[in-house]
């Protein structure tokens, strides 16, 4: 998937391409996850997990000034996670693992 927007800068920039994997475990702090926007279910969001509380994820963008995240819509149920970002593969000068 391609990153759109600026909410995950500087770690992820608009135009970065990510390998996404289906979740096989509850996401952990530092994971970058893809989920449906709780306010508009047709929209997908990519955010970093900052806390895990009883199956709910507190998520945030790395660039707080450009991010709608748990500060706006609250914690996200872990079952709502569609995928976990595993690797940035393009552009080549920026490729590598994404663990925070």
PDB file of N, CA and C in Angstrom:
ATOM      1  N   UNK A   1       0.835  -1.173   0.000  1.00  0.00           N
ATOM      2  CA  UNK A   1       0.000   0.000   0.000  1.00  0.00           C
ATOM      3  C   UNK A   1       0.879   1.234   0.000  1.00  0.00           C
ATOM      4  N   UNK A   2       0.365   2.313  -0.541  1.00  0.00           N
ATOM      5  CA  UNK A   2       1.092   3.578  -0.578  1.00  0.00           C
ATOM      6  C   UNK A   2       0.626   4.477   0.552  1.00  0.00           C
ATOM      7  N   UNK A   3       1.560   5.149   1.195  1.00  0.00           N
ATOM      8  CA  UNK A   3       1.239   6.087   2.262  1.00  0.00           C
ATOM      9  C   UNK A   3       0.722   7.375   1.626  1.00  0.00           C
ATOM     10  N   UNK A   4      -0.395   7.877   2.168  1.00  0.00           N
ATOM     11  CA  UNK A   4      -0.948   9.155   1.726  1.00  0.00           C
ATOM     12  C   UNK A   4      -1.049  10.063   2.945  1.00  0.00           C
ATOM     13  N   UNK A   5      -0.715  11.304   2.777  1.00  0.00           N
ATOM     14  CA  UNK A   5      -0.811  12.261   3.881  1.00  0.00           C
ATOM     15  C   UNK A   5       0.482  12.390   4.660  1.00  0.00           C
ATOM     16  N   UNK A   6       0.420  13.209   5.694  1.00  0.00           N
ATOM     17  CA  UNK A   6       1.632  13.573   6.439  1.00  0.00           C
ATOM     18  C   UNK A   6       1.590  13.178   7.905  1.00  0.00           C
ATOM     19  N   UNK A   7       0.564  12.463   8.337  1.00  0.00           N
ATOM     20  CA  UNK A   7       0.397  12.182   9.765  1.00  0.00           C
ATOM     21  C   UNK A   7       1.461  11.263  10.350  1.00  0.00           C
ATOM     22  N   UNK A   8       2.161  10.495   9.521  1.00  0.00           N
ATOM     23  CA  UNK A   8       3.162   9.559  10.039  1.00  0.00           C
ATOM     24  C   UNK A   8       4.597  10.024   9.818  1.00  0.00           C
ATOM     25  N   UNK A   9       4.779  11.268   9.387  1.00  0.00           N
ATOM     26  CA  UNK A   9       6.137  11.796   9.215  1.00  0.00           C
ATOM     27  C   UNK A   9       6.797  11.995  10.572  1.00  0.00           C
ATOM     28  N   UNK A  10       8.060  11.821  10.714  1.00  0.00           N
ATOM     29  CA  UNK A  10       9.048  11.588   9.679  1.00  0.00           C
ATOM     30  C   UNK A  10       9.278  10.117   9.337  1.00  0.00           C
ATOM     31  N   UNK A  11       8.718   9.193  10.120  1.00  0.00           N
ATOM     32  CA  UNK A  11       8.983   7.762   9.886  1.00  0.00           C
ATOM     33  C   UNK A  11       8.469   7.303   8.525  1.00  0.00           C
ATOM     34  N   UNK A  12       7.262   7.701   8.181  1.00  0.00           N
ATOM     35  CA  UNK A  12       6.667   7.340   6.894  1.00  0.00           C
ATOM     36  C   UNK A  12       6.267   8.612   6.174  1.00  0.00           C
ATOM     37  N   UNK A  13       6.622   8.679   4.914  1.00  0.00           N
ATOM     38  CA  UNK A  13       6.327   9.872   4.117  1.00  0.00           C
ATOM     39  C   UNK A  13       5.352   9.536   3.010  1.00  0.00           C
ATOM     40  N   UNK A  14       4.629  10.546   2.590  1.00  0.00           N
ATOM     41  CA  UNK A  14       3.709  10.364   1.476  1.00  0.00           C
ATOM     42  C   UNK A  14       4.476   9.778   0.287  1.00  0.00           C
ATOM     43  N   UNK A  15       3.935   8.711  -0.289  1.00  0.00           N
ATOM     44  CA  UNK A  15       4.584   8.046  -1.414  1.00  0.00           C
ATOM     45  C   UNK A  15       5.397   6.822  -1.027  1.00  0.00           C
ATOM     46  N   UNK A  16       5.667   6.628   0.275  1.00  0.00           N
ATOM     47  CA  UNK A  16       6.336   5.396   0.707  1.00  0.00           C
ATOM     48  C   UNK A  16       5.405   4.210   0.428  1.00  0.00           C
ATOM     49  N   UNK A  17       5.981   3.088   0.064  1.00  0.00           N
ATOM     50  CA  UNK A  17       5.201   1.864  -0.165  1.00  0.00           C
ATOM     51  C   UNK A  17       5.520   0.863   0.935  1.00  0.00           C
ATOM     52  N   UNK A  18       4.461   0.266   1.500  1.00  0.00           N
ATOM     53  CA  UNK A  18       4.607  -0.636   2.644  1.00  0.00           C
ATOM     54  C   UNK A  18       4.094  -2.028   2.325  1.00  0.00           C
ATOM     55  N   UNK A  19       4.800  -3.032   2.829  1.00  0.00           N
ATOM     56  CA  UNK A  19       4.304  -4.401   2.816  1.00  0.00           C
ATOM     57  C   UNK A  19       3.437  -4.549   4.055  1.00  0.00           C
ATOM     58  N   UNK A  20       2.170  -4.892   3.844  1.00  0.00           N
ATOM     59  CA  UNK A  20       1.221  -5.041   4.942  1.00  0.00           C
ATOM     60  C   UNK A  20       0.930  -6.523   5.133  1.00  0.00           C
ATOM     61  N   UNK A  21       0.900  -6.965   6.387  1.00  0.00           N
ATOM     62  CA  UNK A  21       0.611  -8.359   6.709  1.00  0.00           C
ATOM     63  C   UNK A  21      -0.647  -8.439   7.562  1.00  0.00           C
ATOM     64  N   UNK A  22      -1.448  -9.493   7.374  1.00  0.00           N
ATOM     65  CA  UNK A  22      -2.623  -9.646   8.233  1.00  0.00           C
ATOM     66  C   UNK A  22      -2.187  -9.821   9.683  1.00  0.00           C
ATOM     67  N   UNK A  23      -2.984  -9.322  10.620  1.00  0.00           N
ATOM     68  CA  UNK A  23      -2.594  -9.448  12.025  1.00  0.00           C
ATOM     69  C   UNK A  23      -2.685 -10.894  12.487  1.00  0.00           C
ATOM     70  N   UNK A  24      -1.612 -11.407  13.073  1.00  0.00           N
ATOM     71  CA  UNK A  24      -1.593 -12.777  13.613  1.00  0.00           C
ATOM     72  C   UNK A  24      -1.540 -12.766  15.128  1.00  0.00           C
ATOM     73  N   UNK A  25      -1.435 -11.575  15.681  1.00  0.00           N
ATOM     74  CA  UNK A  25      -1.366 -11.399  17.128  1.00  0.00           C
ATOM     75  C   UNK A  25      -1.932 -10.014  17.437  1.00  0.00           C
ATOM     76  N   UNK A  26      -2.196  -9.771  18.701  1.00  0.00           N
ATOM     77  CA  UNK A  26      -2.610  -8.428  19.102  1.00  0.00           C
ATOM     78  C   UNK A  26      -1.447  -7.481  18.842  1.00  0.00           C
ATOM     79  N   UNK A  27      -1.702  -6.374  18.177  1.00  0.00           N
ATOM     80  CA  UNK A  27      -0.606  -5.431  17.929  1.00  0.00           C
ATOM     81  C   UNK A  27       0.050  -4.997  19.231  1.00  0.00           C
ATOM     82  N   UNK A  28       1.323  -4.653  19.129  1.00  0.00           N
ATOM     83  CA  UNK A  28       2.115  -4.224  20.284  1.00  0.00           C
ATOM     84  C   UNK A  28       2.459  -2.749  20.139  1.00  0.00           C
ATOM     85  N   UNK A  29       2.867  -2.178  21.242  1.00  0.00           N
ATOM     86  CA  UNK A  29       3.325  -0.784  21.232  1.00  0.00           C
ATOM     87  C   UNK A  29       4.430  -0.635  20.183  1.00  0.00           C
ATOM     88  N   UNK A  30       4.309   0.371  19.344  1.00  0.00           N
ATOM     89  CA  UNK A  30       5.300   0.624  18.296  1.00  0.00           C
ATOM     90  C   UNK A  30       4.898   0.098  16.937  1.00  0.00           C
ATOM     91  N   UNK A  31       3.966  -0.859  16.881  1.00  0.00           N
ATOM     92  CA  UNK A  31       3.507  -1.386  15.587  1.00  0.00           C
ATOM     93  C   UNK A  31       2.758  -0.302  14.819  1.00  0.00           C
ATOM     94  N   UNK A  32       2.886  -0.316  13.508  1.00  0.00           N
ATOM     95  CA  UNK A  32       2.115   0.559  12.633  1.00  0.00           C
ATOM     96  C   UNK A  32       0.995  -0.297  12.062  1.00  0.00           C
ATOM     97  N   UNK A  33      -0.252   0.132  12.288  1.00  0.00           N
ATOM     98  CA  UNK A  33      -1.403  -0.690  11.922  1.00  0.00           C
ATOM     99  C   UNK A  33      -2.353   0.055  10.984  1.00  0.00           C
ATOM    100  N   UNK A  34      -3.080  -0.730  10.202  1.00  0.00           N
ATOM    101  CA  UNK A  34      -4.089  -0.232   9.277  1.00  0.00           C
ATOM    102  C   UNK A  34      -5.453  -0.644   9.816  1.00  0.00           C
ATOM    103  N   UNK A  35      -6.385   0.296   9.876  1.00  0.00           N
ATOM    104  CA  UNK A  35      -7.730   0.029  10.390  1.00  0.00           C
ATOM    105  C   UNK A  35      -8.705   1.008   9.748  1.00  0.00           C
ATOM    106  N   UNK A  36      -9.997   0.725   9.888  1.00  0.00           N
ATOM    107  CA  UNK A  36     -11.024   1.620   9.360  1.00  0.00           C
ATOM    108  C   UNK A  36     -11.226   2.792  10.318  1.00  0.00           C
ATOM    109  N   UNK A  37     -11.344   3.967   9.749  1.00  0.00           N
ATOM    110  CA  UNK A  37     -11.608   5.169  10.528  1.00  0.00           C
ATOM    111  C   UNK A  37     -12.931   4.981  11.267  1.00  0.00           C
ATOM    112  N   UNK A  38     -12.937   5.048  12.600  1.00  0.00           N
ATOM    113  CA  UNK A  38     -14.181   4.850  13.349  1.00  0.00           C
ATOM    114  C   UNK A  38     -15.269   5.861  12.994  1.00  0.00           C
ATOM    115  N   UNK A  39     -14.881   7.013  12.465  1.00  0.00           N
ATOM    116  CA  UNK A  39     -15.847   8.062  12.109  1.00  0.00           C
ATOM    117  C   UNK A  39     -16.388   7.911  10.701  1.00  0.00           C
ATOM    118  N   UNK A  40     -15.618   7.289   9.834  1.00  0.00           N
ATOM    119  CA  UNK A  40     -15.996   7.119   8.421  1.00  0.00           C
ATOM    120  C   UNK A  40     -15.444   5.773   7.951  1.00  0.00           C
ATOM    121  N   UNK A  41     -16.242   4.733   8.082  1.00  0.00           N
ATOM    122  CA  UNK A  41     -15.789   3.348   7.897  1.00  0.00           C
ATOM    123  C   UNK A  41     -15.216   3.064   6.505  1.00  0.00           C
ATOM    124  N   UNK A  42     -15.527   3.865   5.521  1.00  0.00           N
ATOM    125  CA  UNK A  42     -14.995   3.627   4.172  1.00  0.00           C
ATOM    126  C   UNK A  42     -13.547   4.104   4.036  1.00  0.00           C
ATOM    127  N   UNK A  43     -13.056   4.843   5.023  1.00  0.00           N
ATOM    128  CA  UNK A  43     -11.699   5.401   4.984  1.00  0.00           C
ATOM    129  C   UNK A  43     -10.759   4.545   5.824  1.00  0.00           C
ATOM    130  N   UNK A  44      -9.565   4.268   5.284  1.00  0.00           N
ATOM    131  CA  UNK A  44      -8.551   3.514   6.019  1.00  0.00           C
ATOM    132  C   UNK A  44      -7.553   4.473   6.651  1.00  0.00           C
ATOM    133  N   UNK A  45      -7.061   4.092   7.829  1.00  0.00           N
ATOM    134  CA  UNK A  45      -6.082   4.912   8.535  1.00  0.00           C
ATOM    135  C   UNK A  45      -4.862   4.067   8.890  1.00  0.00           C
ATOM    136  N   UNK A  46      -3.715   4.708   8.864  1.00  0.00           N
ATOM    137  CA  UNK A  46      -2.447   4.079   9.212  1.00  0.00           C
ATOM    138  C   UNK A  46      -1.869   4.860  10.386  1.00  0.00           C
ATOM    139  N   UNK A  47      -1.721   4.201  11.545  1.00  0.00           N
ATOM    140  CA  UNK A  47      -1.233   4.874  12.750  1.00  0.00           C
ATOM    141  C   UNK A  47      -0.338   3.930  13.545  1.00  0.00           C
ATOM    142  N   UNK A  48       0.392   4.513  14.490  1.00  0.00           N
ATOM    143  CA  UNK A  48       1.274   3.742  15.366  1.00  0.00           C
ATOM    144  C   UNK A  48       0.549   3.447  16.679  1.00  0.00           C
ATOM    145  N   UNK A  49       0.695   2.230  17.171  1.00  0.00           N
ATOM    146  CA  UNK A  49       0.129   1.854  18.462  1.00  0.00           C
ATOM    147  C   UNK A  49       1.013   2.455  19.549  1.00  0.00           C
ATOM    148  N   UNK A  50       0.398   3.244  20.438  1.00  0.00           N
ATOM    149  CA  UNK A  50       1.169   3.838  21.532  1.00  0.00           C
ATOM    150  C   UNK A  50       0.861   3.180  22.872  1.00  0.00           C
ATOM    151  N   UNK A  51      -0.276   2.476  22.931  1.00  0.00           N
ATOM    152  CA  UNK A  51      -0.638   1.781  24.163  1.00  0.00           C
ATOM    153  C   UNK A  51      -1.672   0.705  23.832  1.00  0.00           C
ATOM    154  N   UNK A  52      -1.614  -0.395  24.579  1.00  0.00           N
ATOM    155  CA  UNK A  52      -2.609  -1.463  24.455  1.00  0.00           C
ATOM    156  C   UNK A  52      -3.269  -1.629  25.813  1.00  0.00           C
ATOM    157  N   UNK A  53      -4.606  -1.491  25.838  1.00  0.00           N
ATOM    158  CA  UNK A  53      -5.371  -1.594  27.092  1.00  0.00           C
ATOM    159  C   UNK A  53      -6.516  -2.578  26.907  1.00  0.00           C
ATOM    160  N   UNK A  54      -6.433  -3.748  27.493  1.00  0.00           N
ATOM    161  CA  UNK A  54      -7.526  -4.718  27.483  1.00  0.00           C
ATOM    162  C   UNK A  54      -8.142  -4.908  26.097  1.00  0.00           C
ATOM    163  N   UNK A  55      -7.315  -5.122  25.097  1.00  0.00           N
ATOM    164  CA  UNK A  55      -7.801  -5.367  23.740  1.00  0.00           C
ATOM    165  C   UNK A  55      -8.141  -4.120  22.949  1.00  0.00           C
ATOM    166  N   UNK A  56      -7.925  -2.951  23.530  1.00  0.00           N
ATOM    167  CA  UNK A  56      -8.147  -1.690  22.824  1.00  0.00           C
ATOM    168  C   UNK A  56      -6.797  -1.025  22.574  1.00  0.00           C
ATOM    169  N   UNK A  57      -6.660  -0.423  21.405  1.00  0.00           N
ATOM    170  CA  UNK A  57      -5.400   0.196  21.005  1.00  0.00           C
ATOM    171  C   UNK A  57      -5.525   1.708  21.021  1.00  0.00           C
ATOM    172  N   UNK A  58      -4.602   2.339  21.695  1.00  0.00           N
ATOM    173  CA  UNK A  58      -4.487   3.785  21.600  1.00  0.00           C
ATOM    174  C   UNK A  58      -3.499   4.017  20.463  1.00  0.00           C
ATOM    175  N   UNK A  59      -3.941   4.720  19.425  1.00  0.00           N
ATOM    176  CA  UNK A  59      -3.121   4.922  18.236  1.00  0.00           C
ATOM    177  C   UNK A  59      -2.862   6.409  18.038  1.00  0.00           C
ATOM    178  N   UNK A  60      -1.723   6.706  17.412  1.00  0.00           N
ATOM    179  CA  UNK A  60      -1.366   8.099  17.162  1.00  0.00           C
ATOM    180  C   UNK A  60      -0.522   8.198  15.908  1.00  0.00           C
ATOM    181  N   UNK A  61      -0.647   9.319  15.252  1.00  0.00           N
ATOM    182  CA  UNK A  61       0.251   9.626  14.147  1.00  0.00           C
ATOM    183  C   UNK A  61       1.561  10.136  14.713  1.00  0.00           C
ATOM    184  N   UNK A  62       2.647   9.923  14.009  1.00  0.00           N
ATOM    185  CA  UNK A  62       3.950  10.396  14.474  1.00  0.00           C
ATOM    186  C   UNK A  62       4.051  11.918  14.414  1.00  0.00           C
ATOM    187  N   UNK A  63       3.274  12.544  13.551  1.00  0.00           N
ATOM    188  CA  UNK A  63       3.268  14.002  13.397  1.00  0.00           C
ATOM    189  C   UNK A  63       1.942  14.512  13.955  1.00  0.00           C
ATOM    190  N   UNK A  64       1.925  14.766  15.261  1.00  0.00           N
ATOM    191  CA  UNK A  64       0.676  15.079  15.969  1.00  0.00           C
ATOM    192  C   UNK A  64      -0.093  16.241  15.353  1.00  0.00           C
ATOM    193  N   UNK A  65       0.593  17.212  14.817  1.00  0.00           N
ATOM    194  CA  UNK A  65      -0.076  18.369  14.231  1.00  0.00           C
ATOM    195  C   UNK A  65      -0.852  18.070  12.965  1.00  0.00           C
ATOM    196  N   UNK A  66      -0.583  16.919  12.350  1.00  0.00           N
ATOM    197  CA  UNK A  66      -1.255  16.534  11.105  1.00  0.00           C
ATOM    198  C   UNK A  66      -2.036  15.239  11.265  1.00  0.00           C
ATOM    199  N   UNK A  67      -2.408  14.873  12.490  1.00  0.00           N
ATOM    200  CA  UNK A  67      -2.984  13.557  12.699  1.00  0.00           C
ATOM    201  C   UNK A  67      -4.301  13.590  13.462  1.00  0.00           C
ATOM    202  N   UNK A  68      -5.296  12.923  12.895  1.00  0.00           N
ATOM    203  CA  UNK A  68      -6.511  12.580  13.643  1.00  0.00           C
ATOM    204  C   UNK A  68      -6.255  11.168  14.148  1.00  0.00           C
ATOM    205  N   UNK A  69      -6.349  10.961  15.440  1.00  0.00           N
ATOM    206  CA  UNK A  69      -6.002   9.665  16.018  1.00  0.00           C
ATOM    207  C   UNK A  69      -6.805   9.452  17.295  1.00  0.00           C
ATOM    208  N   UNK A  70      -6.326   8.637  18.215  1.00  0.00           N
ATOM    209  CA  UNK A  70      -7.093   8.338  19.432  1.00  0.00           C
ATOM    210  C   UNK A  70      -7.414   9.584  20.249  1.00  0.00           C
ATOM    211  N   UNK A  71      -6.671  10.642  20.076  1.00  0.00           N
ATOM    212  CA  UNK A  71      -7.015  11.900  20.753  1.00  0.00           C
ATOM    213  C   UNK A  71      -8.348  12.437  20.229  1.00  0.00           C
ATOM    214  N   UNK A  72      -8.681  12.073  18.990  1.00  0.00           N
ATOM    215  CA  UNK A  72      -9.908  12.535  18.352  1.00  0.00           C
ATOM    216  C   UNK A  72     -11.055  11.554  18.516  1.00  0.00           C
ATOM    217  N   UNK A  73     -10.786  10.260  18.287  1.00  0.00           N
ATOM    218  CA  UNK A  73     -11.875   9.274  18.243  1.00  0.00           C
ATOM    219  C   UNK A  73     -11.765   8.170  19.285  1.00  0.00           C
ATOM    220  N   UNK A  74     -10.819   8.244  20.185  1.00  0.00           N
ATOM    221  CA  UNK A  74     -10.694   7.242  21.243  1.00  0.00           C
ATOM    222  C   UNK A  74      -9.919   6.012  20.797  1.00  0.00           C
ATOM    223  N   UNK A  75      -9.870   5.042  21.678  1.00  0.00           N
ATOM    224  CA  UNK A  75      -9.138   3.797  21.406  1.00  0.00           C
ATOM    225  C   UNK A  75      -9.872   2.982  20.340  1.00  0.00           C
ATOM    226  N   UNK A  76      -9.106   2.159  19.629  1.00  0.00           N
ATOM    227  CA  UNK A  76      -9.626   1.298  18.565  1.00  0.00           C
ATOM    228  C   UNK A  76      -9.558  -0.143  19.053  1.00  0.00           C
ATOM    229  N   UNK A  77     -10.631  -0.884  18.873  1.00  0.00           N
ATOM    230  CA  UNK A  77     -10.628  -2.288  19.262  1.00  0.00           C
ATOM    231  C   UNK A  77      -9.606  -3.034  18.411  1.00  0.00           C
ATOM    232  N   UNK A  78      -8.809  -3.874  19.033  1.00  0.00           N
ATOM    233  CA  UNK A  78      -7.760  -4.618  18.314  1.00  0.00           C
ATOM    234  C   UNK A  78      -8.332  -5.481  17.199  1.00  0.00           C
ATOM    235  N   UNK A  79      -9.590  -5.901  17.317  1.00  0.00           N
ATOM    236  CA  UNK A  79     -10.206  -6.716  16.256  1.00  0.00           C
ATOM    237  C   UNK A  79     -10.472  -5.909  14.992  1.00  0.00           C
ATOM    238  N   UNK A  80     -10.377  -4.596  15.079  1.00  0.00           N
ATOM    239  CA  UNK A  80     -10.595  -3.723  13.924  1.00  0.00           C
ATOM    240  C   UNK A  80      -9.353  -3.598  13.033  1.00  0.00           C
ATOM    241  N   UNK A  81      -8.224  -4.084  13.508  1.00  0.00           N
ATOM    242  CA  UNK A  81      -6.988  -3.975  12.726  1.00  0.00           C
ATOM    243  C   UNK A  81      -7.070  -4.889  11.503  1.00  0.00           C
ATOM    244  N   UNK A  82      -6.843  -4.312  10.343  1.00  0.00           N
ATOM    245  CA  UNK A  82      -6.884  -5.040   9.071  1.00  0.00           C
ATOM    246  C   UNK A  82      -5.512  -5.628   8.757  1.00  0.00           C
ATOM    247  N   UNK A  83      -4.467  -4.863   9.054  1.00  0.00           N
ATOM    248  CA  UNK A  83      -3.109  -5.299   8.712  1.00  0.00           C
ATOM    249  C   UNK A  83      -2.100  -4.550   9.566  1.00  0.00           C
ATOM    250  N   UNK A  84      -0.893  -5.092   9.561  1.00  0.00           N
ATOM    251  CA  UNK A  84       0.242  -4.491  10.261  1.00  0.00           C
ATOM    252  C   UNK A  84       1.321  -4.207   9.231  1.00  0.00           C
ATOM    253  N   UNK A  85       1.891  -3.009   9.282  1.00  0.00           N
ATOM    254  CA  UNK A  85       2.976  -2.660   8.372  1.00  0.00           C
ATOM    255  C   UNK A  85       4.230  -3.419   8.796  1.00  0.00           C
ATOM    256  N   UNK A  86       4.814  -4.162   7.860  1.00  0.00           N
ATOM    257  CA  UNK A  86       5.973  -4.988   8.186  1.00  0.00           C
ATOM    258  C   UNK A  86       7.271  -4.428   7.617  1.00  0.00           C
ATOM    259  N   UNK A  87       7.176  -3.766   6.463  1.00  0.00           N
ATOM    260  CA  UNK A  87       8.406  -3.387   5.770  1.00  0.00           C
ATOM    261  C   UNK A  87       8.106  -2.283   4.770  1.00  0.00           C
ATOM    262  N   UNK A  88       8.980  -1.309   4.690  1.00  0.00           N
ATOM    263  CA  UNK A  88       8.884  -0.274   3.644  1.00  0.00           C
ATOM    264  C   UNK A  88       9.779  -0.745   2.495  1.00  0.00           C
ATOM    265  N   UNK A  89       9.221  -0.875   1.298  1.00  0.00           N
ATOM    266  CA  UNK A  89      10.027  -1.379   0.187  1.00  0.00           C
ATOM    267  C   UNK A  89      10.274  -0.363  -0.913  1.00  0.00           C
ATOM    268  N   UNK A  90       9.681   0.794  -0.839  1.00  0.00           N
ATOM    269  CA  UNK A  90       9.947   1.836  -1.821  1.00  0.00           C
ATOM    270  C   UNK A  90       9.622   3.180  -1.184  1.00  0.00           C
ATOM    271  N   UNK A  91      10.300   4.201  -1.571  1.00  0.00           N
ATOM    272  CA  UNK A  91      11.418   4.236  -2.493  1.00  0.00           C
ATOM    273  C   UNK A  91      12.643   3.532  -1.913  1.00  0.00           C
ATOM    274  N   UNK A  92      13.471   3.025  -2.767  1.00  0.00           N
ATOM    275  CA  UNK A  92      14.605   2.191  -2.343  1.00  0.00           C
ATOM    276  C   UNK A  92      15.518   2.879  -1.332  1.00  0.00           C
ATOM    277  N   UNK A  93      15.699   4.167  -1.464  1.00  0.00           N
ATOM    278  CA  UNK A  93      16.613   4.869  -0.524  1.00  0.00           C
ATOM    279  C   UNK A  93      16.069   4.905   0.897  1.00  0.00           C
ATOM    280  N   UNK A  94      14.773   4.547   1.071  1.00  0.00           N
ATOM    281  CA  UNK A  94      14.167   4.591   2.400  1.00  0.00           C
ATOM    282  C   UNK A  94      13.676   3.226   2.876  1.00  0.00           C
ATOM    283  N   UNK A  95      14.014   2.137   2.216  1.00  0.00           N
ATOM    284  CA  UNK A  95      13.429   0.859   2.581  1.00  0.00           C
ATOM    285  C   UNK A  95      13.985   0.325   3.893  1.00  0.00           C
ATOM    286  N   UNK A  96      13.192  -0.522   4.569  1.00  0.00           N
ATOM    287  CA  UNK A  96      13.651  -1.135   5.804  1.00  0.00           C
ATOM    288  C   UNK A  96      12.514  -1.430   6.769  1.00  0.00           C
ATOM    289  N   UNK A  97      12.827  -2.077   7.901  1.00  0.00           N
ATOM    290  CA  UNK A  97      11.821  -2.424   8.910  1.00  0.00           C
ATOM    291  C   UNK A  97      11.185  -1.169   9.519  1.00  0.00           C
ATOM    292  N   UNK A  98       9.994  -1.336  10.087  1.00  0.00           N
ATOM    293  CA  UNK A  98       9.248  -0.187  10.591  1.00  0.00           C
ATOM    294  C   UNK A  98       9.076  -0.160  12.086  1.00  0.00           C
ATOM    295  N   UNK A  99       9.627  -1.073  12.816  1.00  0.00           N
ATOM    296  CA  UNK A  99       9.458  -1.083  14.275  1.00  0.00           C
ATOM    297  C   UNK A  99       9.933   0.234  14.872  1.00  0.00           C
ATOM    298  N   UNK A 100       9.121   0.805  15.768  1.00  0.00           N
ATOM    299  CA  UNK A 100       9.453   2.093  16.382  1.00  0.00           C
ATOM    300  C   UNK A 100      10.403   1.983  17.529  1.00  0.00           C
TER     301      UNK A 100
END
